[in-house]
């Protein structure tokens, strides 16, 4: 990784020989995780569950319905709420917050720099409808023709399927692709796919508990 500081601005140069770029979305390309955490907290509270940043970080990159299923089983709520009801409530809350989501500028700068020069893709555990809205609100829709979501795969991160599908659509060999990620599961998936994995967590204020404007 080559990071240069110019004043207060961070500059990043992609790895030599890279022919394609893949970006995770939430917490990597856009600063959306505080809103995901807030919506999970409210939804969980309504079912008597306490959601923490530490718990949610373990599942970064996991589809929301899988997290809801895990919570229901963990807290023995099968008789009280379905997975569909749980994730529906969380998604409704998050949808109301999406308009405040902003790009993570050091990562967005890479997207803008290599747009039209290198093939790029989004590889995320989010649902397609939510991902498309997030990109729209963040002003990043125009940069991505290739988007692989939880709706497009059978195996989720840390399985490499998400990133390998991106590579196939980009027509670039996995070994020549650099993946930008913030989650442990995503980093493992990138390595398993045979790609260069770059963690962006220290590129910005990645505290999910920070005060957010709603």
N, C-alpha and C. Protein backbone atom coordinates (compact mmCIF):
# COMPACT_ATOMS: atom_id res chain seq x y z
N UNK A 1 0.84 -1.19 0.00
CA UNK A 1 0.00 0.00 0.00
C UNK A 1 0.88 1.24 0.00
N UNK A 2 0.58 2.18 -0.87
CA UNK A 2 1.32 3.43 -0.91
C UNK A 2 0.35 4.57 -0.61
N UNK A 3 0.54 5.19 0.56
CA UNK A 3 -0.31 6.30 0.95
C UNK A 3 0.55 7.53 1.16
N UNK A 4 0.17 8.61 0.53
CA UNK A 4 0.90 9.85 0.65
C UNK A 4 0.01 10.90 1.30
N UNK A 5 0.60 11.67 2.22
CA UNK A 5 -0.12 12.74 2.86
C UNK A 5 0.25 14.07 2.19
N UNK A 6 -0.77 14.76 1.71
CA UNK A 6 -0.55 16.10 1.14
C UNK A 6 -1.42 17.05 1.94
N UNK A 7 -0.78 17.72 2.93
CA UNK A 7 -1.55 18.52 3.86
C UNK A 7 -2.38 17.57 4.71
N UNK A 8 -3.71 17.78 4.76
CA UNK A 8 -4.60 16.90 5.49
C UNK A 8 -5.27 15.88 4.59
N UNK A 9 -4.90 15.88 3.32
CA UNK A 9 -5.54 15.01 2.35
C UNK A 9 -4.69 13.77 2.11
N UNK A 10 -5.34 12.61 2.11
CA UNK A 10 -4.63 11.37 1.87
C UNK A 10 -4.74 10.98 0.41
N UNK A 11 -3.63 10.60 -0.18
CA UNK A 11 -3.60 10.15 -1.56
C UNK A 11 -3.19 8.68 -1.58
N UNK A 12 -3.85 7.89 -2.41
CA UNK A 12 -3.53 6.48 -2.49
C UNK A 12 -3.23 6.11 -3.93
N UNK A 13 -2.17 5.34 -4.13
CA UNK A 13 -1.84 4.81 -5.44
C UNK A 13 -2.11 3.31 -5.42
N UNK A 14 -2.87 2.82 -6.40
CA UNK A 14 -3.19 1.41 -6.46
C UNK A 14 -1.92 0.59 -6.69
N UNK A 15 -2.00 -0.70 -6.40
CA UNK A 15 -0.84 -1.56 -6.50
C UNK A 15 -0.38 -1.69 -7.96
N UNK A 16 0.91 -1.82 -8.19
CA UNK A 16 1.43 -1.97 -9.56
C UNK A 16 0.86 -3.20 -10.25
N UNK A 17 0.51 -3.05 -11.51
CA UNK A 17 0.03 -4.17 -12.30
C UNK A 17 -1.45 -4.47 -12.17
N UNK A 18 -2.15 -3.74 -11.32
CA UNK A 18 -3.59 -3.97 -11.14
C UNK A 18 -4.35 -3.56 -12.39
N UNK A 19 -5.27 -4.42 -12.84
CA UNK A 19 -6.05 -4.18 -14.06
C UNK A 19 -7.54 -4.01 -13.80
N UNK A 20 -7.97 -4.14 -12.55
CA UNK A 20 -9.38 -3.99 -12.22
C UNK A 20 -9.55 -3.71 -10.74
N UNK A 21 -10.62 -3.01 -10.39
CA UNK A 21 -10.86 -2.60 -9.01
C UNK A 21 -12.25 -3.04 -8.56
N UNK A 22 -12.34 -3.59 -7.35
CA UNK A 22 -13.62 -3.95 -6.76
C UNK A 22 -13.75 -3.22 -5.42
N UNK A 23 -14.94 -2.67 -5.18
CA UNK A 23 -15.19 -1.94 -3.95
C UNK A 23 -16.37 -2.55 -3.19
N UNK A 24 -16.14 -2.86 -1.92
CA UNK A 24 -17.27 -3.10 -1.03
C UNK A 24 -17.99 -1.76 -0.93
N UNK A 25 -19.25 -1.78 -0.48
CA UNK A 25 -20.01 -0.52 -0.43
C UNK A 25 -20.06 0.06 0.99
N UNK A 26 -20.83 -0.56 1.86
CA UNK A 26 -21.06 -0.01 3.20
C UNK A 26 -19.78 -0.05 4.04
N UNK A 27 -19.37 1.12 4.51
CA UNK A 27 -18.17 1.21 5.33
C UNK A 27 -16.88 1.26 4.54
N UNK A 28 -16.98 1.10 3.23
CA UNK A 28 -15.79 1.16 2.37
C UNK A 28 -15.89 2.33 1.40
N UNK A 29 -16.91 2.33 0.59
CA UNK A 29 -17.11 3.41 -0.38
C UNK A 29 -18.00 4.52 0.16
N UNK A 30 -18.93 4.15 1.04
CA UNK A 30 -19.81 5.14 1.65
C UNK A 30 -19.84 4.97 3.17
N UNK A 31 -19.99 6.08 3.88
CA UNK A 31 -19.98 6.08 5.34
C UNK A 31 -21.40 5.80 5.86
N UNK A 32 -21.86 4.59 5.61
CA UNK A 32 -23.25 4.22 5.91
C UNK A 32 -23.40 3.39 7.18
N UNK A 33 -22.30 2.87 7.72
CA UNK A 33 -22.44 1.95 8.84
C UNK A 33 -23.03 2.58 10.10
N UNK A 34 -22.79 3.86 10.41
CA UNK A 34 -23.50 4.44 11.55
C UNK A 34 -25.02 4.39 11.39
N UNK A 35 -25.50 4.51 10.16
CA UNK A 35 -26.94 4.45 9.91
C UNK A 35 -27.46 3.01 9.97
N UNK A 36 -26.64 2.07 9.48
CA UNK A 36 -27.01 0.67 9.63
C UNK A 36 -27.08 0.29 11.10
N UNK A 37 -26.09 0.71 11.88
CA UNK A 37 -26.08 0.39 13.30
C UNK A 37 -27.28 1.02 14.01
N UNK A 38 -27.56 2.27 13.69
CA UNK A 38 -28.70 2.95 14.33
C UNK A 38 -30.02 2.25 14.03
N UNK A 39 -30.20 1.85 12.78
CA UNK A 39 -31.45 1.18 12.41
C UNK A 39 -31.54 -0.22 13.02
N UNK A 40 -30.40 -0.91 13.11
CA UNK A 40 -30.39 -2.21 13.79
C UNK A 40 -30.73 -2.04 15.26
N UNK A 41 -30.16 -1.02 15.90
CA UNK A 41 -30.42 -0.80 17.33
C UNK A 41 -31.90 -0.59 17.61
N UNK A 42 -32.55 0.25 16.79
CA UNK A 42 -33.97 0.55 16.99
C UNK A 42 -34.81 -0.70 16.75
N UNK A 43 -34.51 -1.41 15.66
CA UNK A 43 -35.27 -2.63 15.35
C UNK A 43 -35.07 -3.68 16.44
N UNK A 44 -33.83 -3.87 16.86
CA UNK A 44 -33.55 -4.86 17.90
C UNK A 44 -34.22 -4.51 19.22
N UNK A 45 -34.19 -3.24 19.56
CA UNK A 45 -34.79 -2.79 20.82
C UNK A 45 -36.28 -3.13 20.88
N UNK A 46 -36.94 -3.06 19.74
CA UNK A 46 -38.38 -3.35 19.70
C UNK A 46 -38.67 -4.82 19.97
N UNK A 47 -37.63 -5.66 19.86
CA UNK A 47 -37.79 -7.09 20.14
C UNK A 47 -37.01 -7.51 21.40
N UNK A 48 -36.60 -6.51 22.19
CA UNK A 48 -35.92 -6.80 23.45
C UNK A 48 -34.48 -7.24 23.31
N UNK A 49 -33.84 -6.85 22.20
CA UNK A 49 -32.44 -7.23 21.95
C UNK A 49 -31.57 -5.97 21.98
N UNK A 50 -30.39 -6.09 22.58
CA UNK A 50 -29.44 -4.99 22.57
C UNK A 50 -28.41 -5.23 21.46
N UNK A 51 -28.37 -4.35 20.50
CA UNK A 51 -27.39 -4.44 19.40
C UNK A 51 -26.20 -3.54 19.72
N UNK A 52 -24.99 -4.05 19.51
CA UNK A 52 -23.78 -3.28 19.74
C UNK A 52 -22.94 -3.20 18.47
N UNK A 53 -22.07 -2.22 18.42
CA UNK A 53 -21.15 -2.09 17.29
C UNK A 53 -20.26 -3.31 17.20
N UNK A 54 -19.79 -3.81 18.34
CA UNK A 54 -18.91 -4.97 18.35
C UNK A 54 -19.57 -6.18 17.71
N UNK A 55 -20.84 -6.40 18.05
CA UNK A 55 -21.56 -7.54 17.48
C UNK A 55 -21.73 -7.37 15.97
N UNK A 56 -22.18 -6.18 15.54
CA UNK A 56 -22.46 -5.98 14.12
C UNK A 56 -21.20 -6.05 13.28
N UNK A 57 -20.08 -5.60 13.82
CA UNK A 57 -18.82 -5.65 13.07
C UNK A 57 -18.45 -7.09 12.70
N UNK A 58 -18.81 -8.04 13.53
CA UNK A 58 -18.51 -9.43 13.22
C UNK A 58 -19.20 -9.89 11.93
N UNK A 59 -20.31 -9.21 11.60
CA UNK A 59 -21.13 -9.64 10.47
C UNK A 59 -21.06 -8.67 9.29
N UNK A 60 -20.11 -7.75 9.32
CA UNK A 60 -19.96 -6.80 8.22
C UNK A 60 -19.77 -7.56 6.91
N UNK A 61 -20.63 -7.28 5.93
CA UNK A 61 -20.58 -8.00 4.66
C UNK A 61 -21.61 -9.10 4.56
N UNK A 62 -22.33 -9.36 5.66
CA UNK A 62 -23.36 -10.41 5.70
C UNK A 62 -24.71 -9.79 5.36
N UNK A 63 -25.52 -10.45 4.54
CA UNK A 63 -26.86 -9.92 4.23
C UNK A 63 -27.68 -9.71 5.50
N UNK A 64 -28.50 -8.68 5.51
CA UNK A 64 -29.29 -8.34 6.68
C UNK A 64 -30.21 -9.46 7.14
N UNK A 65 -30.80 -10.20 6.18
CA UNK A 65 -31.71 -11.26 6.57
C UNK A 65 -30.98 -12.36 7.33
N UNK A 66 -29.71 -12.59 7.00
CA UNK A 66 -28.93 -13.61 7.70
C UNK A 66 -28.62 -13.15 9.13
N UNK A 67 -28.38 -11.86 9.31
CA UNK A 67 -28.15 -11.32 10.66
C UNK A 67 -29.44 -11.44 11.47
N UNK A 68 -30.58 -11.10 10.86
CA UNK A 68 -31.87 -11.20 11.56
C UNK A 68 -32.14 -12.64 11.96
N UNK A 69 -31.87 -13.57 11.07
CA UNK A 69 -32.07 -14.99 11.38
C UNK A 69 -31.21 -15.43 12.55
N UNK A 70 -29.97 -14.98 12.57
CA UNK A 70 -29.06 -15.32 13.66
C UNK A 70 -29.54 -14.74 14.99
N UNK A 71 -30.02 -13.50 14.97
CA UNK A 71 -30.50 -12.87 16.19
C UNK A 71 -31.74 -13.56 16.74
N UNK A 72 -32.64 -13.92 15.85
CA UNK A 72 -33.86 -14.61 16.27
C UNK A 72 -33.53 -15.95 16.93
N UNK A 73 -32.61 -16.69 16.33
CA UNK A 73 -32.21 -17.98 16.90
C UNK A 73 -31.48 -17.80 18.23
N UNK A 74 -30.59 -16.81 18.28
CA UNK A 74 -29.79 -16.57 19.48
C UNK A 74 -30.66 -16.20 20.67
N UNK A 75 -31.71 -15.42 20.42
CA UNK A 75 -32.57 -14.94 21.50
C UNK A 75 -33.89 -15.70 21.59
N UNK A 76 -34.00 -16.79 20.84
CA UNK A 76 -35.17 -17.68 20.90
C UNK A 76 -36.48 -16.92 20.69
N UNK A 77 -36.52 -16.19 19.58
CA UNK A 77 -37.69 -15.35 19.27
C UNK A 77 -38.54 -15.91 18.14
N UNK A 78 -38.36 -17.18 17.84
CA UNK A 78 -39.06 -17.78 16.69
C UNK A 78 -40.57 -17.65 16.79
N UNK A 79 -41.10 -17.65 18.01
CA UNK A 79 -42.55 -17.56 18.20
C UNK A 79 -43.06 -16.13 18.19
N UNK A 80 -42.14 -15.17 18.20
CA UNK A 80 -42.53 -13.76 18.32
C UNK A 80 -42.38 -12.96 17.03
N UNK A 81 -41.40 -13.32 16.21
CA UNK A 81 -41.13 -12.52 15.02
C UNK A 81 -40.50 -13.40 13.95
N UNK A 82 -40.83 -13.14 12.69
CA UNK A 82 -40.21 -13.85 11.57
C UNK A 82 -38.99 -13.07 11.08
N UNK A 83 -38.16 -13.76 10.32
CA UNK A 83 -37.00 -13.09 9.71
C UNK A 83 -37.47 -11.95 8.83
N UNK A 84 -38.53 -12.18 8.06
CA UNK A 84 -39.05 -11.16 7.15
C UNK A 84 -39.53 -9.92 7.91
N UNK A 85 -40.21 -10.12 9.03
CA UNK A 85 -40.69 -8.99 9.83
C UNK A 85 -39.52 -8.22 10.44
N UNK A 86 -38.54 -8.96 10.94
CA UNK A 86 -37.39 -8.34 11.59
C UNK A 86 -36.60 -7.49 10.60
N UNK A 87 -36.21 -8.10 9.50
CA UNK A 87 -35.38 -7.35 8.54
C UNK A 87 -36.21 -6.28 7.84
N UNK A 88 -37.51 -6.50 7.70
CA UNK A 88 -38.36 -5.47 7.11
C UNK A 88 -38.38 -4.21 7.96
N UNK A 89 -38.45 -4.38 9.28
CA UNK A 89 -38.44 -3.23 10.18
C UNK A 89 -37.10 -2.51 10.13
N UNK A 90 -36.01 -3.29 10.15
CA UNK A 90 -34.69 -2.67 10.08
C UNK A 90 -34.51 -1.92 8.77
N UNK A 91 -34.90 -2.53 7.66
CA UNK A 91 -34.73 -1.90 6.35
C UNK A 91 -35.56 -0.64 6.19
N UNK A 92 -36.75 -0.65 6.77
CA UNK A 92 -37.61 0.54 6.71
C UNK A 92 -36.95 1.71 7.44
N UNK A 93 -36.37 1.42 8.59
CA UNK A 93 -35.67 2.46 9.35
C UNK A 93 -34.45 2.97 8.59
N UNK A 94 -33.69 2.05 8.02
CA UNK A 94 -32.49 2.44 7.27
C UNK A 94 -32.86 3.26 6.04
N UNK A 95 -33.93 2.88 5.37
CA UNK A 95 -34.38 3.61 4.17
C UNK A 95 -34.64 5.07 4.48
N UNK A 96 -35.17 5.34 5.67
CA UNK A 96 -35.44 6.73 6.07
C UNK A 96 -34.16 7.52 6.30
N UNK A 97 -33.06 6.81 6.55
CA UNK A 97 -31.79 7.47 6.85
C UNK A 97 -30.86 7.59 5.64
N UNK A 98 -31.15 6.86 4.59
CA UNK A 98 -30.21 6.75 3.47
C UNK A 98 -29.85 8.09 2.83
N UNK A 99 -30.76 9.02 2.84
CA UNK A 99 -30.49 10.31 2.17
C UNK A 99 -29.35 11.09 2.80
N UNK A 100 -28.92 10.69 4.00
CA UNK A 100 -27.81 11.39 4.66
C UNK A 100 -26.46 10.73 4.42
N UNK A 101 -26.44 9.63 3.70
CA UNK A 101 -25.19 8.90 3.48
C UNK A 101 -24.26 9.68 2.54
N UNK A 102 -23.00 9.75 2.93
CA UNK A 102 -21.98 10.45 2.13
C UNK A 102 -20.88 9.48 1.68
N UNK A 103 -20.21 9.79 0.58
CA UNK A 103 -19.07 8.96 0.16
C UNK A 103 -17.92 9.08 1.16
N UNK A 104 -17.11 8.05 1.24
CA UNK A 104 -15.85 8.11 1.97
C UNK A 104 -14.83 8.64 0.97
N UNK A 105 -14.44 9.87 1.14
CA UNK A 105 -13.75 10.61 0.08
C UNK A 105 -12.45 9.98 -0.41
N UNK A 106 -11.56 9.47 0.47
CA UNK A 106 -10.33 8.86 -0.07
C UNK A 106 -10.59 7.68 -0.98
N UNK A 107 -11.67 6.93 -0.70
CA UNK A 107 -12.00 5.79 -1.55
C UNK A 107 -12.72 6.25 -2.81
N UNK A 108 -13.64 7.19 -2.65
CA UNK A 108 -14.35 7.74 -3.81
C UNK A 108 -13.37 8.40 -4.78
N UNK A 109 -12.29 8.96 -4.26
CA UNK A 109 -11.30 9.60 -5.13
C UNK A 109 -10.64 8.58 -6.05
N UNK A 110 -10.44 7.35 -5.58
CA UNK A 110 -9.88 6.30 -6.42
C UNK A 110 -10.85 5.94 -7.53
N UNK A 111 -12.13 5.83 -7.17
CA UNK A 111 -13.17 5.53 -8.16
C UNK A 111 -13.16 6.58 -9.26
N UNK A 112 -13.13 7.83 -8.89
CA UNK A 112 -13.19 8.91 -9.86
C UNK A 112 -11.91 8.98 -10.70
N UNK A 113 -10.78 8.67 -10.07
CA UNK A 113 -9.51 8.73 -10.79
C UNK A 113 -9.43 7.67 -11.89
N UNK A 114 -9.93 6.47 -11.60
CA UNK A 114 -9.78 5.36 -12.55
C UNK A 114 -11.04 5.06 -13.35
N UNK A 115 -12.07 5.87 -13.16
CA UNK A 115 -13.30 5.69 -13.95
C UNK A 115 -12.99 5.90 -15.43
N UNK A 116 -13.37 4.93 -16.25
CA UNK A 116 -13.10 5.01 -17.68
C UNK A 116 -11.72 4.53 -18.09
N UNK A 117 -10.88 4.24 -17.09
CA UNK A 117 -9.52 3.76 -17.35
C UNK A 117 -9.38 2.28 -17.00
N UNK A 118 -9.90 1.90 -15.83
CA UNK A 118 -9.88 0.51 -15.40
C UNK A 118 -11.32 0.03 -15.16
N UNK A 119 -11.61 -1.24 -15.43
CA UNK A 119 -12.93 -1.76 -15.09
C UNK A 119 -13.10 -1.78 -13.57
N UNK A 120 -14.30 -1.44 -13.10
CA UNK A 120 -14.58 -1.37 -11.67
C UNK A 120 -15.91 -2.03 -11.38
N UNK A 121 -16.05 -2.52 -10.15
CA UNK A 121 -17.29 -3.17 -9.75
C UNK A 121 -17.55 -2.93 -8.27
N UNK A 122 -18.82 -3.05 -7.90
CA UNK A 122 -19.22 -3.09 -6.50
C UNK A 122 -19.47 -4.55 -6.14
N UNK A 123 -18.90 -5.00 -5.02
CA UNK A 123 -19.15 -6.35 -4.52
C UNK A 123 -19.59 -6.27 -3.08
N UNK A 124 -20.88 -6.45 -2.82
CA UNK A 124 -21.45 -6.15 -1.51
C UNK A 124 -22.42 -7.21 -1.02
N UNK A 125 -22.60 -7.27 0.29
CA UNK A 125 -23.57 -8.18 0.87
C UNK A 125 -24.94 -7.56 1.02
N UNK A 126 -25.11 -6.33 0.57
CA UNK A 126 -26.40 -5.67 0.65
C UNK A 126 -27.36 -6.15 -0.42
N UNK A 127 -28.64 -5.85 -0.24
CA UNK A 127 -29.64 -6.20 -1.24
C UNK A 127 -29.58 -5.20 -2.38
N UNK A 128 -29.98 -5.63 -3.57
CA UNK A 128 -29.84 -4.77 -4.75
C UNK A 128 -30.59 -3.46 -4.61
N UNK A 129 -31.83 -3.51 -4.16
CA UNK A 129 -32.61 -2.27 -4.07
C UNK A 129 -31.97 -1.28 -3.10
N UNK A 130 -31.49 -1.77 -1.97
CA UNK A 130 -30.84 -0.89 -0.98
C UNK A 130 -29.53 -0.35 -1.52
N UNK A 131 -28.76 -1.19 -2.18
CA UNK A 131 -27.47 -0.78 -2.74
C UNK A 131 -27.68 0.31 -3.80
N UNK A 132 -28.64 0.13 -4.67
CA UNK A 132 -28.89 1.11 -5.72
C UNK A 132 -29.33 2.46 -5.14
N UNK A 133 -30.12 2.43 -4.08
CA UNK A 133 -30.53 3.69 -3.44
C UNK A 133 -29.33 4.37 -2.78
N UNK A 134 -28.49 3.58 -2.12
CA UNK A 134 -27.32 4.15 -1.47
C UNK A 134 -26.40 4.83 -2.48
N UNK A 135 -26.13 4.16 -3.59
CA UNK A 135 -25.29 4.75 -4.62
C UNK A 135 -25.89 6.03 -5.17
N UNK A 136 -27.22 6.03 -5.32
CA UNK A 136 -27.90 7.23 -5.83
C UNK A 136 -27.73 8.39 -4.87
N UNK A 137 -28.00 8.16 -3.58
CA UNK A 137 -27.89 9.25 -2.61
C UNK A 137 -26.46 9.74 -2.44
N UNK A 138 -25.49 8.83 -2.62
CA UNK A 138 -24.08 9.21 -2.48
C UNK A 138 -23.53 9.83 -3.76
N UNK A 139 -24.33 9.85 -4.83
CA UNK A 139 -23.88 10.44 -6.10
C UNK A 139 -22.86 9.60 -6.83
N UNK A 140 -22.93 8.27 -6.67
CA UNK A 140 -21.91 7.40 -7.26
C UNK A 140 -22.46 6.42 -8.30
N UNK A 141 -23.73 6.51 -8.63
CA UNK A 141 -24.35 5.55 -9.54
C UNK A 141 -23.64 5.48 -10.89
N UNK A 142 -23.27 6.61 -11.43
CA UNK A 142 -22.73 6.67 -12.79
C UNK A 142 -21.40 5.94 -12.95
N UNK A 143 -20.73 5.65 -11.86
CA UNK A 143 -19.40 5.05 -11.95
C UNK A 143 -19.42 3.51 -12.04
N UNK A 144 -20.60 2.90 -11.83
CA UNK A 144 -20.61 1.44 -11.74
C UNK A 144 -21.69 0.80 -12.60
N UNK A 145 -21.23 0.06 -13.61
CA UNK A 145 -22.14 -0.76 -14.41
C UNK A 145 -22.22 -2.18 -13.85
N UNK A 146 -21.19 -2.58 -13.12
CA UNK A 146 -21.13 -3.93 -12.57
C UNK A 146 -21.34 -3.86 -11.06
N UNK A 147 -22.44 -4.46 -10.60
CA UNK A 147 -22.78 -4.46 -9.18
C UNK A 147 -23.23 -5.87 -8.81
N UNK A 148 -22.50 -6.52 -7.92
CA UNK A 148 -22.87 -7.86 -7.44
C UNK A 148 -23.34 -7.73 -6.00
N UNK A 149 -24.59 -8.13 -5.76
CA UNK A 149 -25.21 -7.98 -4.45
C UNK A 149 -25.57 -9.35 -3.88
N UNK A 150 -26.18 -9.33 -2.69
CA UNK A 150 -26.63 -10.58 -2.07
C UNK A 150 -27.67 -11.29 -2.91
N UNK A 151 -28.36 -10.55 -3.77
CA UNK A 151 -29.38 -11.16 -4.63
C UNK A 151 -28.79 -11.97 -5.77
N UNK A 152 -27.50 -11.82 -6.00
CA UNK A 152 -26.87 -12.41 -7.18
C UNK A 152 -26.02 -13.65 -6.89
N UNK A 153 -25.92 -14.03 -5.62
CA UNK A 153 -25.00 -15.12 -5.26
C UNK A 153 -25.67 -16.13 -4.34
N UNK A 154 -25.00 -17.26 -4.16
CA UNK A 154 -25.47 -18.32 -3.26
C UNK A 154 -24.68 -18.34 -1.95
N UNK A 155 -23.42 -17.91 -2.03
CA UNK A 155 -22.53 -17.98 -0.87
C UNK A 155 -22.01 -16.58 -0.54
N UNK A 156 -22.14 -16.18 0.70
CA UNK A 156 -21.79 -14.83 1.11
C UNK A 156 -20.38 -14.76 1.69
N UNK A 157 -19.85 -13.56 1.80
CA UNK A 157 -18.53 -13.36 2.41
C UNK A 157 -18.51 -14.03 3.79
N UNK A 158 -17.44 -14.78 4.13
CA UNK A 158 -16.09 -14.77 3.54
C UNK A 158 -15.90 -15.68 2.32
N UNK A 159 -16.96 -16.29 1.82
CA UNK A 159 -16.83 -17.05 0.57
C UNK A 159 -16.48 -16.06 -0.55
N UNK A 160 -15.62 -16.45 -1.50
CA UNK A 160 -15.16 -15.52 -2.53
C UNK A 160 -16.14 -15.30 -3.69
N UNK A 161 -17.31 -15.94 -3.66
CA UNK A 161 -18.20 -15.88 -4.82
C UNK A 161 -18.53 -14.45 -5.27
N UNK A 162 -18.80 -13.57 -4.32
CA UNK A 162 -19.14 -12.18 -4.68
C UNK A 162 -18.06 -11.56 -5.55
N UNK A 163 -16.81 -11.66 -5.12
CA UNK A 163 -15.71 -11.03 -5.84
C UNK A 163 -15.37 -11.77 -7.13
N UNK A 164 -15.51 -13.08 -7.13
CA UNK A 164 -15.25 -13.83 -8.36
C UNK A 164 -16.29 -13.52 -9.43
N UNK A 165 -17.53 -13.28 -9.02
CA UNK A 165 -18.55 -12.87 -10.00
C UNK A 165 -18.23 -11.50 -10.56
N UNK A 166 -17.72 -10.62 -9.72
CA UNK A 166 -17.29 -9.30 -10.20
C UNK A 166 -16.18 -9.46 -11.24
N UNK A 167 -15.19 -10.28 -10.92
CA UNK A 167 -14.06 -10.50 -11.83
C UNK A 167 -14.52 -11.05 -13.17
N UNK A 168 -15.46 -11.99 -13.12
CA UNK A 168 -16.00 -12.57 -14.35
C UNK A 168 -16.67 -11.50 -15.21
N UNK A 169 -17.47 -10.66 -14.57
CA UNK A 169 -18.16 -9.60 -15.31
C UNK A 169 -17.19 -8.56 -15.84
N UNK A 170 -16.11 -8.31 -15.09
CA UNK A 170 -15.11 -7.33 -15.50
C UNK A 170 -14.17 -7.89 -16.56
N UNK A 171 -14.16 -9.23 -16.69
CA UNK A 171 -13.24 -9.91 -17.62
C UNK A 171 -11.78 -9.63 -17.27
N UNK A 172 -11.49 -9.70 -15.96
CA UNK A 172 -10.13 -9.50 -15.46
C UNK A 172 -9.77 -10.68 -14.57
N UNK A 173 -8.56 -11.19 -14.70
CA UNK A 173 -8.11 -12.29 -13.87
C UNK A 173 -8.08 -11.87 -12.40
N UNK A 174 -8.53 -12.71 -11.48
CA UNK A 174 -8.56 -12.35 -10.07
C UNK A 174 -7.22 -11.83 -9.53
N UNK A 175 -6.12 -12.40 -9.96
CA UNK A 175 -4.81 -11.99 -9.45
C UNK A 175 -4.44 -10.56 -9.84
N UNK A 176 -5.17 -10.00 -10.81
CA UNK A 176 -4.88 -8.63 -11.28
C UNK A 176 -5.89 -7.62 -10.75
N UNK A 177 -6.66 -8.03 -9.73
CA UNK A 177 -7.71 -7.16 -9.18
C UNK A 177 -7.36 -6.75 -7.76
N UNK A 178 -7.58 -5.48 -7.45
CA UNK A 178 -7.43 -4.98 -6.09
C UNK A 178 -8.82 -4.75 -5.50
N UNK A 179 -9.04 -5.30 -4.31
CA UNK A 179 -10.32 -5.18 -3.62
C UNK A 179 -10.17 -4.22 -2.45
N UNK A 180 -11.10 -3.29 -2.34
CA UNK A 180 -11.12 -2.34 -1.22
C UNK A 180 -12.23 -2.75 -0.27
N UNK A 181 -11.88 -2.96 0.98
CA UNK A 181 -12.79 -3.52 1.98
C UNK A 181 -12.58 -2.85 3.33
N UNK A 182 -13.59 -3.00 4.20
CA UNK A 182 -13.43 -2.55 5.58
C UNK A 182 -13.72 -3.66 6.58
N UNK A 183 -14.32 -4.77 6.12
CA UNK A 183 -14.73 -5.83 7.03
C UNK A 183 -13.81 -7.04 6.97
N UNK A 184 -13.70 -7.73 8.10
CA UNK A 184 -12.86 -8.93 8.16
C UNK A 184 -13.35 -10.00 7.19
N UNK A 185 -14.67 -10.18 7.11
CA UNK A 185 -15.20 -11.21 6.22
C UNK A 185 -14.88 -10.88 4.76
N UNK A 186 -14.97 -9.60 4.41
CA UNK A 186 -14.66 -9.18 3.05
C UNK A 186 -13.19 -9.32 2.72
N UNK A 187 -12.33 -9.01 3.68
CA UNK A 187 -10.89 -9.17 3.46
C UNK A 187 -10.55 -10.63 3.23
N UNK A 188 -11.16 -11.50 4.02
CA UNK A 188 -10.93 -12.94 3.84
C UNK A 188 -11.44 -13.42 2.48
N UNK A 189 -12.58 -12.89 2.06
CA UNK A 189 -13.14 -13.28 0.76
C UNK A 189 -12.22 -12.86 -0.37
N UNK A 190 -11.65 -11.66 -0.27
CA UNK A 190 -10.76 -11.16 -1.32
C UNK A 190 -9.50 -12.02 -1.42
N UNK A 191 -8.93 -12.36 -0.27
CA UNK A 191 -7.74 -13.21 -0.25
C UNK A 191 -8.06 -14.58 -0.81
N UNK A 192 -9.21 -15.13 -0.41
CA UNK A 192 -9.62 -16.45 -0.90
C UNK A 192 -9.83 -16.44 -2.41
N UNK A 193 -10.25 -15.29 -2.94
CA UNK A 193 -10.46 -15.16 -4.38
C UNK A 193 -9.15 -14.99 -5.14
N UNK A 194 -8.04 -14.84 -4.42
CA UNK A 194 -6.74 -14.67 -5.06
C UNK A 194 -6.49 -13.24 -5.50
N UNK A 195 -7.16 -12.29 -4.85
CA UNK A 195 -7.03 -10.88 -5.22
C UNK A 195 -6.20 -10.12 -4.19
N UNK A 196 -5.81 -8.91 -4.54
CA UNK A 196 -5.09 -8.03 -3.62
C UNK A 196 -6.12 -7.38 -2.72
N UNK A 197 -5.99 -7.54 -1.41
CA UNK A 197 -6.97 -7.01 -0.45
C UNK A 197 -6.42 -5.79 0.25
N UNK A 198 -7.15 -4.68 0.17
CA UNK A 198 -6.74 -3.43 0.80
C UNK A 198 -7.80 -3.01 1.81
N UNK A 199 -7.40 -2.88 3.07
CA UNK A 199 -8.31 -2.50 4.15
C UNK A 199 -8.32 -0.97 4.29
N UNK A 200 -9.51 -0.37 4.23
CA UNK A 200 -9.62 1.09 4.27
C UNK A 200 -10.06 1.62 5.64
N UNK A 201 -10.13 0.75 6.64
CA UNK A 201 -10.67 1.18 7.94
C UNK A 201 -9.95 2.39 8.52
N UNK A 202 -8.63 2.47 8.32
CA UNK A 202 -7.89 3.58 8.91
C UNK A 202 -7.79 4.79 7.99
N UNK A 203 -8.58 4.79 6.93
CA UNK A 203 -8.56 5.91 5.99
C UNK A 203 -9.53 7.02 6.42
N UNK A 204 -10.39 6.74 7.36
CA UNK A 204 -11.42 7.71 7.75
C UNK A 204 -11.88 7.39 9.16
N UNK A 205 -12.78 8.22 9.71
CA UNK A 205 -13.35 7.97 11.04
C UNK A 205 -14.36 6.84 10.92
N UNK A 206 -13.91 5.62 11.25
CA UNK A 206 -14.75 4.45 11.06
C UNK A 206 -15.48 4.03 12.33
N UNK A 207 -15.66 4.98 13.25
CA UNK A 207 -16.42 4.72 14.47
C UNK A 207 -17.91 4.73 14.15
N UNK A 208 -18.56 3.59 14.27
CA UNK A 208 -19.98 3.49 13.91
C UNK A 208 -20.88 4.13 14.95
N UNK A 209 -20.34 4.36 16.15
CA UNK A 209 -21.14 4.95 17.23
C UNK A 209 -21.12 6.48 17.20
N UNK A 210 -20.43 7.06 16.24
CA UNK A 210 -20.32 8.51 16.20
C UNK A 210 -21.68 9.16 16.00
N UNK A 211 -21.78 10.39 16.41
CA UNK A 211 -23.04 11.11 16.26
C UNK A 211 -23.37 11.29 14.78
N UNK A 212 -24.60 10.96 14.42
CA UNK A 212 -25.04 11.11 13.03
C UNK A 212 -26.20 12.09 12.97
N UNK A 213 -26.30 12.77 11.86
CA UNK A 213 -27.37 13.74 11.69
C UNK A 213 -28.59 13.06 11.07
N UNK A 214 -29.69 13.07 11.78
CA UNK A 214 -30.92 12.47 11.30
C UNK A 214 -32.05 13.51 11.39
